C-alpha atoms as a PDB file:
ATOM      1  CA  MET A   1       0.986 -22.527  -8.190  1.00  0.00           C
ATOM      2  CA  SER A   2       1.675 -18.789  -8.279  1.00  0.00           C
ATOM      3  CA  GLU A   3       3.386 -16.948  -5.478  1.00  0.00           C
ATOM      4  CA  PRO A   4       0.957 -15.614  -2.838  1.00  0.00           C
ATOM      5  CA  VAL A   5       2.803 -12.285  -2.505  1.00  0.00           C
ATOM      6  CA  SER A   6       3.898 -10.109  -5.415  1.00  0.00           C
ATOM      7  CA  PRO A   7       6.255  -7.237  -4.562  1.00  0.00           C
ATOM      8  CA  LEU A   8       4.715  -3.835  -5.181  1.00  0.00           C
ATOM      9  CA  THR A   9       6.199  -1.260  -7.533  1.00  0.00           C
ATOM     10  CA  LYS A  10       7.178   2.119  -6.068  1.00  0.00           C
ATOM     11  CA  GLN A  11       3.932   3.607  -7.403  1.00  0.00           C
ATOM     12  CA  GLN A  12       1.814   0.793  -5.947  1.00  0.00           C
ATOM     13  CA  THR A  13       3.613   1.184  -2.605  1.00  0.00           C
ATOM     14  CA  THR A  14       2.938   4.930  -2.590  1.00  0.00           C
ATOM     15  CA  GLU A  15      -0.740   4.321  -3.382  1.00  0.00           C
ATOM     16  CA  ALA A  16      -1.081   1.678  -0.653  1.00  0.00           C
ATOM     17  CA  GLU A  17       0.645   3.935   1.876  1.00  0.00           C
ATOM     18  CA  ALA A  18      -1.634   6.863   0.975  1.00  0.00           C
ATOM     19  CA  LYS A  19      -4.713   4.686   1.402  1.00  0.00           C
ATOM     20  CA  SER A  20      -3.437   3.471   4.774  1.00  0.00           C
ATOM     21  CA  ALA A  21      -2.862   7.049   5.963  1.00  0.00           C
ATOM     22  CA  LYS A  22      -6.567   7.830   5.454  1.00  0.00           C
ATOM     23  CA  HIS A  23      -8.045   5.033   7.581  1.00  0.00           C
ATOM     24  CA  SER A  24     -10.965   6.028   9.783  1.00  0.00           C
ATOM     25  CA  TYR A  25     -10.797   5.904  13.576  1.00  0.00           C
ATOM     26  CA  PRO A  26     -12.667   2.558  13.863  1.00  0.00           C
ATOM     27  CA  VAL A  27     -10.304   0.986  11.322  1.00  0.00           C
ATOM     28  CA  ARG A  28      -7.313   2.335  13.252  1.00  0.00           C
ATOM     29  CA  LEU A  29      -8.686   0.743  16.425  1.00  0.00           C
ATOM     30  CA  ALA A  30      -8.983  -2.583  14.603  1.00  0.00           C
ATOM     31  CA  LEU A  31      -5.387  -2.135  13.399  1.00  0.00           C
ATOM     32  CA  ASP A  32      -4.265  -1.636  16.989  1.00  0.00           C
ATOM     33  CA  LEU A  33      -5.672  -5.050  17.825  1.00  0.00           C
ATOM     34  CA  ASP A  34      -4.186  -6.480  14.619  1.00  0.00           C
ATOM     35  CA  GLU A  35      -0.749  -5.110  15.568  1.00  0.00           C
ATOM     36  CA  SER A  36      -0.875  -6.587  19.076  1.00  0.00           C
ATOM     37  CA  ILE A  37      -0.563 -10.229  17.951  1.00  0.00           C
ATOM     38  CA  PRO A  38       2.647 -10.508  15.820  1.00  0.00           C
ATOM     39  CA  PRO A  39       5.052  -9.277  18.552  1.00  0.00           C
ATOM     40  CA  ILE A  40       3.963 -12.253  20.667  1.00  0.00           C
ATOM     41  CA  PHE A  41       5.584 -14.432  17.991  1.00  0.00           C
ATOM     42  CA  GLY A  42       8.720 -12.326  17.530  1.00  0.00           C
ATOM     43  CA  ALA A  43       7.720  -9.727  14.930  1.00  0.00           C
ATOM     44  CA  PRO A  44       8.554  -6.051  15.570  1.00  0.00           C
ATOM     45  CA  LEU A  45       5.958  -3.739  17.111  1.00  0.00           C
ATOM     46  CA  GLY A  46       3.708  -2.145  14.497  1.00  0.00           C
ATOM     47  CA  THR A  47       3.609  -5.213  12.270  1.00  0.00           C
ATOM     48  CA  THR A  48       0.125  -6.458  11.401  1.00  0.00           C
ATOM     49  CA  ILE A  49      -0.814 -10.121  11.179  1.00  0.00           C
ATOM     50  CA  SER A  50      -1.144  -9.782   7.393  1.00  0.00           C
ATOM     51  CA  GLY A  51       2.196  -8.009   7.046  1.00  0.00           C
ATOM     52  CA  ASP A  52       3.955 -10.616   9.164  1.00  0.00           C
ATOM     53  CA  ALA A  53       2.382 -13.399   7.095  1.00  0.00           C
ATOM     54  CA  ALA A  54       3.550 -11.758   3.853  1.00  0.00           C
ATOM     55  CA  ILE A  55       7.109 -11.387   5.142  1.00  0.00           C
ATOM     56  CA  ALA A  56       7.087 -15.017   6.300  1.00  0.00           C
ATOM     57  CA  ALA A  57       5.715 -16.143   2.909  1.00  0.00           C
ATOM     58  CA  VAL A  58       8.597 -14.460   1.103  1.00  0.00           C
ATOM     59  CA  ASN A  59      11.477 -15.032   3.525  1.00  0.00           C
ATOM     60  CA  ASP A  60      10.840 -18.087   5.681  1.00  0.00           C
ATOM     61  CA  LYS A  61      11.045 -21.801   5.106  1.00  0.00           C
ATOM     62  CA  GLY A  62       9.456 -24.522   7.183  1.00  0.00           C
ATOM     63  CA  PHE A  63       6.284 -24.037   9.177  1.00  0.00           C
ATOM     64  CA  LYS A  64       6.375 -20.225   9.392  1.00  0.00           C
ATOM     65  CA  GLY A  65       6.821 -19.916   5.622  1.00  0.00           C
ATOM     66  CA  PHE A  66       4.004 -22.422   5.056  1.00  0.00           C
ATOM     67  CA  TYR A  67       1.780 -20.441   7.435  1.00  0.00           C
ATOM     68  CA  GLY A  68       2.654 -17.177   5.643  1.00  0.00           C
ATOM     69  CA  ARG A  69       1.944 -18.557   2.167  1.00  0.00           C
ATOM     70  CA  THR A  70      -1.313 -20.174   3.304  1.00  0.00           C
ATOM     71  CA  MET A  71      -2.482 -17.016   5.080  1.00  0.00           C
ATOM     72  CA  CYS A  72      -1.615 -14.843   2.079  1.00  0.00           C
ATOM     73  CA  ARG A  73      -3.450 -17.130  -0.331  1.00  0.00           C
ATOM     74  CA  PHE A  74      -6.506 -16.977   1.956  1.00  0.00           C
ATOM     75  CA  LEU A  75      -6.337 -13.168   2.218  1.00  0.00           C
ATOM     76  CA  ASN A  76      -5.915 -12.875  -1.565  1.00  0.00           C
ATOM     77  CA  LEU A  77      -9.480 -14.207  -1.852  1.00  0.00           C
ATOM     78  CA  PHE A  78     -10.658 -10.912  -0.319  1.00  0.00           C
ATOM     79  CA  GLN A  79      -8.078  -8.460  -1.701  1.00  0.00           C
ATOM     80  CA  LYS A  80      -5.568  -9.138  -4.455  1.00  0.00           C
ATOM     81  CA  ASN A  81      -1.992  -9.119  -3.088  1.00  0.00           C
ATOM     82  CA  HIS A  82      -3.248  -8.235   0.387  1.00  0.00           C
ATOM     83  CA  GLY A  83       0.019  -9.176   2.112  1.00  0.00           C
ATOM     84  CA  ALA A  84       2.198  -6.756   0.147  1.00  0.00           C
ATOM     85  CA  LYS A  85      -0.370  -3.995   0.647  1.00  0.00           C
ATOM     86  CA  ALA A  86      -0.396  -4.739   4.379  1.00  0.00           C
ATOM     87  CA  VAL A  87       3.395  -4.380   4.530  1.00  0.00           C
ATOM     88  CA  ALA A  88       3.088  -1.004   2.742  1.00  0.00           C
ATOM     89  CA  GLY A  89       0.457   0.059   5.288  1.00  0.00           C
ATOM     90  CA  ASP A  90       2.695  -1.051   8.166  1.00  0.00           C
ATOM     91  CA  LEU A  91       5.496   1.047   6.672  1.00  0.00           C
ATOM     92  CA  GLU A  92       3.243   4.105   6.285  1.00  0.00           C
ATOM     93  CA  ARG A  93       2.093   3.925   9.902  1.00  0.00           C
ATOM     94  CA  SER A  94       5.669   3.552  11.168  1.00  0.00           C
ATOM     95  CA  GLU A  95       6.773   6.563   9.113  1.00  0.00           C
ATOM     96  CA  GLU A  96       3.817   8.553  10.495  1.00  0.00           C
ATOM     97  CA  VAL A  97       4.917   7.748  14.059  1.00  0.00           C
ATOM     98  CA  GLU A  98       8.529   8.597  13.228  1.00  0.00           C
ATOM     99  CA  LYS A  99       7.528  12.010  11.826  1.00  0.00           C
ATOM    100  CA  TYR A 100       5.283  12.717  14.820  1.00  0.00           C
ATOM    101  CA  GLU A 101       8.090  11.955  17.249  1.00  0.00           C
ATOM    102  CA  GLU A 102      10.751  13.844  15.290  1.00  0.00           C
ATOM    103  CA  ASP A 103       8.467  16.916  15.068  1.00  0.00           C
ATOM    104  CA  SER A 104       7.700  16.788  18.816  1.00  0.00           C
ATOM    105  CA  GLY A 105      10.802  18.705  19.806  1.00  0.00           C
ATOM    106  CA  VAL A 106      11.526  16.186  22.551  1.00  0.00           C
ATOM    107  CA  ILE A 107      14.544  14.766  20.732  1.00  0.00           C
ATOM    108  CA  ASN A 108      17.356  17.004  19.544  1.00  0.00           C
ATOM    109  CA  GLN A 109      18.397  16.160  16.036  1.00  0.00           C
END
């Protein structure tokens, strides 16, 4: 059986990040809910359920790895390589927050 998550190339990552940066307000609200679940199970803030599943599919053994691979295979039915694209979106949103905070002038750099 093929791997449920295929790493993205730099170009694919850039494209996925750009798409994530253009999400509408309702989609961003849904993402807020999506990002509220993984920290309950130990993932960092800002990680979506899909992104956490993809990371688990690639890096974890045992039950969490099984969960990640199963979730990614399920999500691949709706969007090819959804997990890797979700991780790219998580990265884009974290970089957006980082830029916002750096540009705020509140922190001296």
